Amino acid sequence: MKTCIFLVIAFLGMACGSKSTMSVAENTSAGSESDSSEPKVLPVLLAEDLPNDSGDAYTIRQTSVYGSVLEIVLTYGGGCEAHEFVLMTTGAVMKSMPPQMEIVLHHNANGDMCRALVTDTVRFELEPVKPQGNGSLILRLQDYNDRIVYNY
């Protein structure tokens, strides 16, 4: 009988220990890139119309294109919830030399009211929205004045 009680207590202790470890891991990963695996590359979403705003506040610090991946380094307020970024375009290419495409980066802070200044990097795969052939495409990111050149 004492053995059964001991096993039940030991089992409950292990279950409680694993749950607290799991909740710590969830809290520390919210809004950060502490994972050492390959960076996640998100798809560009095609939309019929682009939104007039870019969602919750953020500031773009730098943009780079590596191959067909657009990398955006940005900062935003928060730190307590996971933040979501979506890059959208209609896919329409303006007839100019070089051609241009409007894109919008939309931010959803998921109601995060924390006040930490978070620096994050988001990556998007441009291959599905590139025009046919070879050349350059200027990506016109809403509320961002620097040129983003995608050579394909």
C-alpha atoms as a PDB file:
ATOM      1  CA  MET A   1       0.000   0.000   0.000  1.00  0.00           C
ATOM      2  CA  LYS A   2       2.843   2.398   0.836  1.00  0.00           C
ATOM      3  CA  THR A   3       4.384   1.563  -2.539  1.00  0.00           C
ATOM      4  CA  CYS A   4       1.172   2.553  -4.366  1.00  0.00           C
ATOM      5  CA  ILE A   5       0.970   5.865  -2.498  1.00  0.00           C
ATOM      6  CA  PHE A   6       4.650   6.531  -3.237  1.00  0.00           C
ATOM      7  CA  LEU A   7       4.116   5.817  -6.975  1.00  0.00           C
ATOM      8  CA  VAL A   8       1.088   8.116  -7.130  1.00  0.00           C
ATOM      9  CA  ILE A   9       3.008  10.934  -5.408  1.00  0.00           C
ATOM     10  CA  ALA A  10       6.039  10.398  -7.665  1.00  0.00           C
ATOM     11  CA  PHE A  11       3.821  10.437 -10.785  1.00  0.00           C
ATOM     12  CA  LEU A  12       2.076  13.634  -9.688  1.00  0.00           C
ATOM     13  CA  GLY A  13       5.436  15.236  -8.954  1.00  0.00           C
ATOM     14  CA  MET A  14       6.730  14.414 -12.435  1.00  0.00           C
ATOM     15  CA  ALA A  15       3.544  15.688 -14.077  1.00  0.00           C
ATOM     16  CA  CYS A  16       3.726  18.982 -12.188  1.00  0.00           C
ATOM     17  CA  GLY A  17       7.413  19.371 -12.979  1.00  0.00           C
ATOM     18  CA  SER A  18       6.955  18.853 -16.706  1.00  0.00           C
ATOM     19  CA  LYS A  19       4.022  21.271 -16.853  1.00  0.00           C
ATOM     20  CA  SER A  20       5.962  24.103 -15.223  1.00  0.00           C
ATOM     21  CA  THR A  21       8.909  23.541 -17.569  1.00  0.00           C
ATOM     22  CA  MET A  22       6.557  23.694 -20.535  1.00  0.00           C
ATOM     23  CA  SER A  23       4.963  26.978 -19.467  1.00  0.00           C
ATOM     24  CA  VAL A  24       8.393  28.586 -18.969  1.00  0.00           C
ATOM     25  CA  ALA A  25       9.391  27.556 -22.500  1.00  0.00           C
ATOM     26  CA  GLU A  26       6.190  29.064 -23.922  1.00  0.00           C
ATOM     27  CA  ASN A  27       6.733  32.357 -22.090  1.00  0.00           C
ATOM     28  CA  THR A  28      10.375  32.746 -23.081  1.00  0.00           C
ATOM     29  CA  SER A  29       9.693  32.058 -26.758  1.00  0.00           C
ATOM     30  CA  ALA A  30       6.865  34.587 -27.126  1.00  0.00           C
ATOM     31  CA  GLY A  31       8.005  37.272 -29.553  1.00  0.00           C
ATOM     32  CA  SER A  32      11.637  36.161 -29.735  1.00  0.00           C
ATOM     33  CA  GLU A  33      13.815  34.051 -31.946  1.00  0.00           C
ATOM     34  CA  SER A  34      15.582  32.032 -29.289  1.00  0.00           C
ATOM     35  CA  ASP A  35      15.199  28.871 -31.368  1.00  0.00           C
ATOM     36  CA  SER A  36      18.531  27.783 -32.850  1.00  0.00           C
ATOM     37  CA  SER A  37      16.971  26.032 -35.869  1.00  0.00           C
ATOM     38  CA  GLU A  38      16.806  27.496 -39.376  1.00  0.00           C
ATOM     39  CA  PRO A  39      14.898  30.799 -39.593  1.00  0.00           C
ATOM     40  CA  LYS A  40      11.284  30.452 -40.658  1.00  0.00           C
ATOM     41  CA  VAL A  41      10.471  31.819 -44.117  1.00  0.00           C
ATOM     42  CA  LEU A  42       6.829  32.821 -44.544  1.00  0.00           C
ATOM     43  CA  PRO A  43       4.858  32.969 -47.797  1.00  0.00           C
ATOM     44  CA  VAL A  44       3.728  36.248 -49.365  1.00  0.00           C
ATOM     45  CA  LEU A  45      -0.076  36.324 -49.404  1.00  0.00           C
ATOM     46  CA  LEU A  46      -1.930  37.351 -52.543  1.00  0.00           C
ATOM     47  CA  ALA A  47      -4.897  39.634 -51.855  1.00  0.00           C
ATOM     48  CA  GLU A  48      -7.518  41.213 -54.096  1.00  0.00           C
ATOM     49  CA  ASP A  49      -7.029  44.562 -52.362  1.00  0.00           C
ATOM     50  CA  LEU A  50      -4.305  45.783 -50.024  1.00  0.00           C
ATOM     51  CA  PRO A  51      -5.274  47.164 -46.605  1.00  0.00           C
ATOM     52  CA  ASN A  52      -4.919  50.915 -46.037  1.00  0.00           C
ATOM     53  CA  ASP A  53      -3.016  50.424 -42.788  1.00  0.00           C
ATOM     54  CA  SER A  54      -0.254  48.150 -41.573  1.00  0.00           C
ATOM     55  CA  GLY A  55      -1.956  47.029 -38.354  1.00  0.00           C
ATOM     56  CA  ASP A  56      -0.269  47.498 -34.997  1.00  0.00           C
ATOM     57  CA  ALA A  57       2.745  49.806 -34.731  1.00  0.00           C
ATOM     58  CA  TYR A  58       6.250  48.748 -35.785  1.00  0.00           C
ATOM     59  CA  THR A  59       9.364  50.391 -37.174  1.00  0.00           C
ATOM     60  CA  ILE A  60      11.405  48.905 -40.000  1.00  0.00           C
ATOM     61  CA  ARG A  61      15.126  49.123 -39.291  1.00  0.00           C
ATOM     62  CA  GLN A  62      16.527  47.360 -42.352  1.00  0.00           C
ATOM     63  CA  THR A  63      15.497  45.313 -45.368  1.00  0.00           C
ATOM     64  CA  SER A  64      17.587  42.888 -47.432  1.00  0.00           C
ATOM     65  CA  VAL A  65      16.925  40.424 -50.209  1.00  0.00           C
ATOM     66  CA  TYR A  66      18.934  37.188 -50.199  1.00  0.00           C
ATOM     67  CA  GLY A  67      18.167  35.161 -53.311  1.00  0.00           C
ATOM     68  CA  SER A  68      14.361  35.034 -53.264  1.00  0.00           C
ATOM     69  CA  VAL A  69      13.940  35.783 -49.544  1.00  0.00           C
ATOM     70  CA  LEU A  70      13.024  39.256 -48.279  1.00  0.00           C
ATOM     71  CA  GLU A  71      14.367  39.827 -44.773  1.00  0.00           C
ATOM     72  CA  ILE A  72      12.929  42.659 -42.677  1.00  0.00           C
ATOM     73  CA  VAL A  73      14.499  43.706 -39.361  1.00  0.00           C
ATOM     74  CA  LEU A  74      11.985  45.626 -37.269  1.00  0.00           C
ATOM     75  CA  THR A  75      11.178  46.789 -33.760  1.00  0.00           C
ATOM     76  CA  TYR A  76       7.863  46.949 -31.940  1.00  0.00           C
ATOM     77  CA  GLY A  77       6.520  47.304 -28.411  1.00  0.00           C
ATOM     78  CA  GLY A  78       5.448  44.205 -26.531  1.00  0.00           C
ATOM     79  CA  GLY A  79       7.233  41.153 -25.249  1.00  0.00           C
ATOM     80  CA  CYS A  80       4.408  39.202 -23.604  1.00  0.00           C
ATOM     81  CA  GLU A  81       2.475  37.771 -26.565  1.00  0.00           C
ATOM     82  CA  ALA A  82       3.408  36.222 -29.906  1.00  0.00           C
ATOM     83  CA  HIS A  83       3.292  38.795 -32.709  1.00  0.00           C
ATOM     84  CA  GLU A  84       2.240  37.929 -36.255  1.00  0.00           C
ATOM     85  CA  PHE A  85       3.473  39.559 -39.458  1.00  0.00           C
ATOM     86  CA  VAL A  86       1.904  39.008 -42.875  1.00  0.00           C
ATOM     87  CA  LEU A  87       3.306  40.343 -46.150  1.00  0.00           C
ATOM     88  CA  MET A  88       0.610  40.961 -48.777  1.00  0.00           C
ATOM     89  CA  THR A  89       0.483  42.000 -52.414  1.00  0.00           C
ATOM     90  CA  THR A  90      -2.066  41.966 -55.213  1.00  0.00           C
ATOM     91  CA  GLY A  91       0.625  40.576 -57.498  1.00  0.00           C
ATOM     92  CA  ALA A  92       0.104  43.456 -59.935  1.00  0.00           C
ATOM     93  CA  VAL A  93       3.310  44.679 -61.555  1.00  0.00           C
ATOM     94  CA  MET A  94       3.511  48.346 -62.544  1.00  0.00           C
ATOM     95  CA  LYS A  95       4.679  49.048 -66.079  1.00  0.00           C
ATOM     96  CA  SER A  96       7.876  50.906 -65.341  1.00  0.00           C
ATOM     97  CA  MET A  97      11.579  50.304 -65.787  1.00  0.00           C
ATOM     98  CA  PRO A  98      12.388  48.392 -63.688  1.00  0.00           C
ATOM     99  CA  PRO A  99       8.932  47.034 -62.871  1.00  0.00           C
ATOM    100  CA  GLN A 100       7.489  47.746 -59.413  1.00  0.00           C
ATOM    101  CA  MET A 101       5.109  45.936 -57.071  1.00  0.00           C
ATOM    102  CA  GLU A 102       3.291  47.306 -54.027  1.00  0.00           C
ATOM    103  CA  ILE A 103       3.516  45.246 -50.830  1.00  0.00           C
ATOM    104  CA  VAL A 104       2.105  45.741 -47.323  1.00  0.00           C
ATOM    105  CA  LEU A 105       3.522  44.315 -44.104  1.00  0.00           C
ATOM    106  CA  HIS A 106       0.665  43.843 -41.629  1.00  0.00           C
ATOM    107  CA  HIS A 107       1.372  43.449 -37.890  1.00  0.00           C
ATOM    108  CA  ASN A 108      -0.967  41.780 -35.371  1.00  0.00           C
ATOM    109  CA  ALA A 109       0.269  42.273 -31.784  1.00  0.00           C
ATOM    110  CA  ASN A 110      -2.469  39.981 -30.387  1.00  0.00           C
ATOM    111  CA  GLY A 111      -3.341  42.564 -27.743  1.00  0.00           C
ATOM    112  CA  ASP A 112       0.191  42.633 -26.265  1.00  0.00           C
ATOM    113  CA  MET A 113       0.244  45.506 -23.766  1.00  0.00           C
ATOM    114  CA  CYS A 114       3.798  44.953 -22.493  1.00  0.00           C
ATOM    115  CA  ARG A 115       6.297  47.779 -22.931  1.00  0.00           C
ATOM    116  CA  ALA A 116       9.537  46.063 -23.914  1.00  0.00           C
ATOM    117  CA  LEU A 117      11.114  47.181 -27.190  1.00  0.00           C
ATOM    118  CA  VAL A 118      11.447  43.987 -29.220  1.00  0.00           C
ATOM    119  CA  THR A 119      13.750  43.657 -32.237  1.00  0.00           C
ATOM    120  CA  ASP A 120      12.728  40.870 -34.582  1.00  0.00           C
ATOM    121  CA  THR A 121      13.526  39.621 -38.070  1.00  0.00           C
ATOM    122  CA  VAL A 122      10.825  38.311 -40.396  1.00  0.00           C
ATOM    123  CA  ARG A 123      11.511  36.552 -43.703  1.00  0.00           C
ATOM    124  CA  PHE A 124       9.245  36.100 -46.722  1.00  0.00           C
ATOM    125  CA  GLU A 125       9.611  33.947 -49.861  1.00  0.00           C
ATOM    126  CA  LEU A 126       9.314  36.147 -52.976  1.00  0.00           C
ATOM    127  CA  GLU A 127       9.568  33.418 -55.633  1.00  0.00           C
ATOM    128  CA  PRO A 128       5.762  32.986 -56.066  1.00  0.00           C
ATOM    129  CA  VAL A 129       5.217  36.705 -56.825  1.00  0.00           C
ATOM    130  CA  LYS A 130       8.122  37.343 -59.197  1.00  0.00           C
ATOM    131  CA  PRO A 131       7.356  38.274 -62.810  1.00  0.00           C
ATOM    132  CA  GLN A 132       8.280  35.866 -65.591  1.00  0.00           C
ATOM    133  CA  GLY A 133      11.758  35.941 -67.050  1.00  0.00           C
ATOM    134  CA  ASN A 134      14.867  37.458 -65.502  1.00  0.00           C
ATOM    135  CA  GLY A 135      15.406  40.956 -64.219  1.00  0.00           C
ATOM    136  CA  SER A 136      14.789  43.238 -61.271  1.00  0.00           C
ATOM    137  CA  LEU A 137      11.637  44.125 -59.374  1.00  0.00           C
ATOM    138  CA  ILE A 138      11.311  47.139 -57.078  1.00  0.00           C
ATOM    139  CA  LEU A 139       9.207  46.254 -54.035  1.00  0.00           C
ATOM    140  CA  ARG A 140       7.304  49.304 -52.776  1.00  0.00           C
ATOM    141  CA  LEU A 141       6.671  48.597 -49.097  1.00  0.00           C
ATOM    142  CA  GLN A 142       3.917  50.741 -47.606  1.00  0.00           C
ATOM    143  CA  ASP A 143       5.262  53.415 -45.172  1.00  0.00           C
ATOM    144  CA  TYR A 144       8.894  52.600 -46.043  1.00  0.00           C
ATOM    145  CA  ASN A 145      10.906  54.940 -48.268  1.00  0.00           C
ATOM    146  CA  ASP A 146      14.047  52.914 -49.059  1.00  0.00           C
ATOM    147  CA  ARG A 147      14.191  50.938 -52.301  1.00  0.00           C
ATOM    148  CA  ILE A 148      13.918  47.188 -52.008  1.00  0.00           C
ATOM    149  CA  VAL A 149      15.336  45.541 -55.126  1.00  0.00           C
ATOM    150  CA  TYR A 150      14.578  41.897 -55.876  1.00  0.00           C
ATOM    151  CA  ASN A 151      16.887  40.549 -58.621  1.00  0.00           C
ATOM    152  CA  TYR A 152      15.540  37.364 -60.113  1.00  0.00           C
END
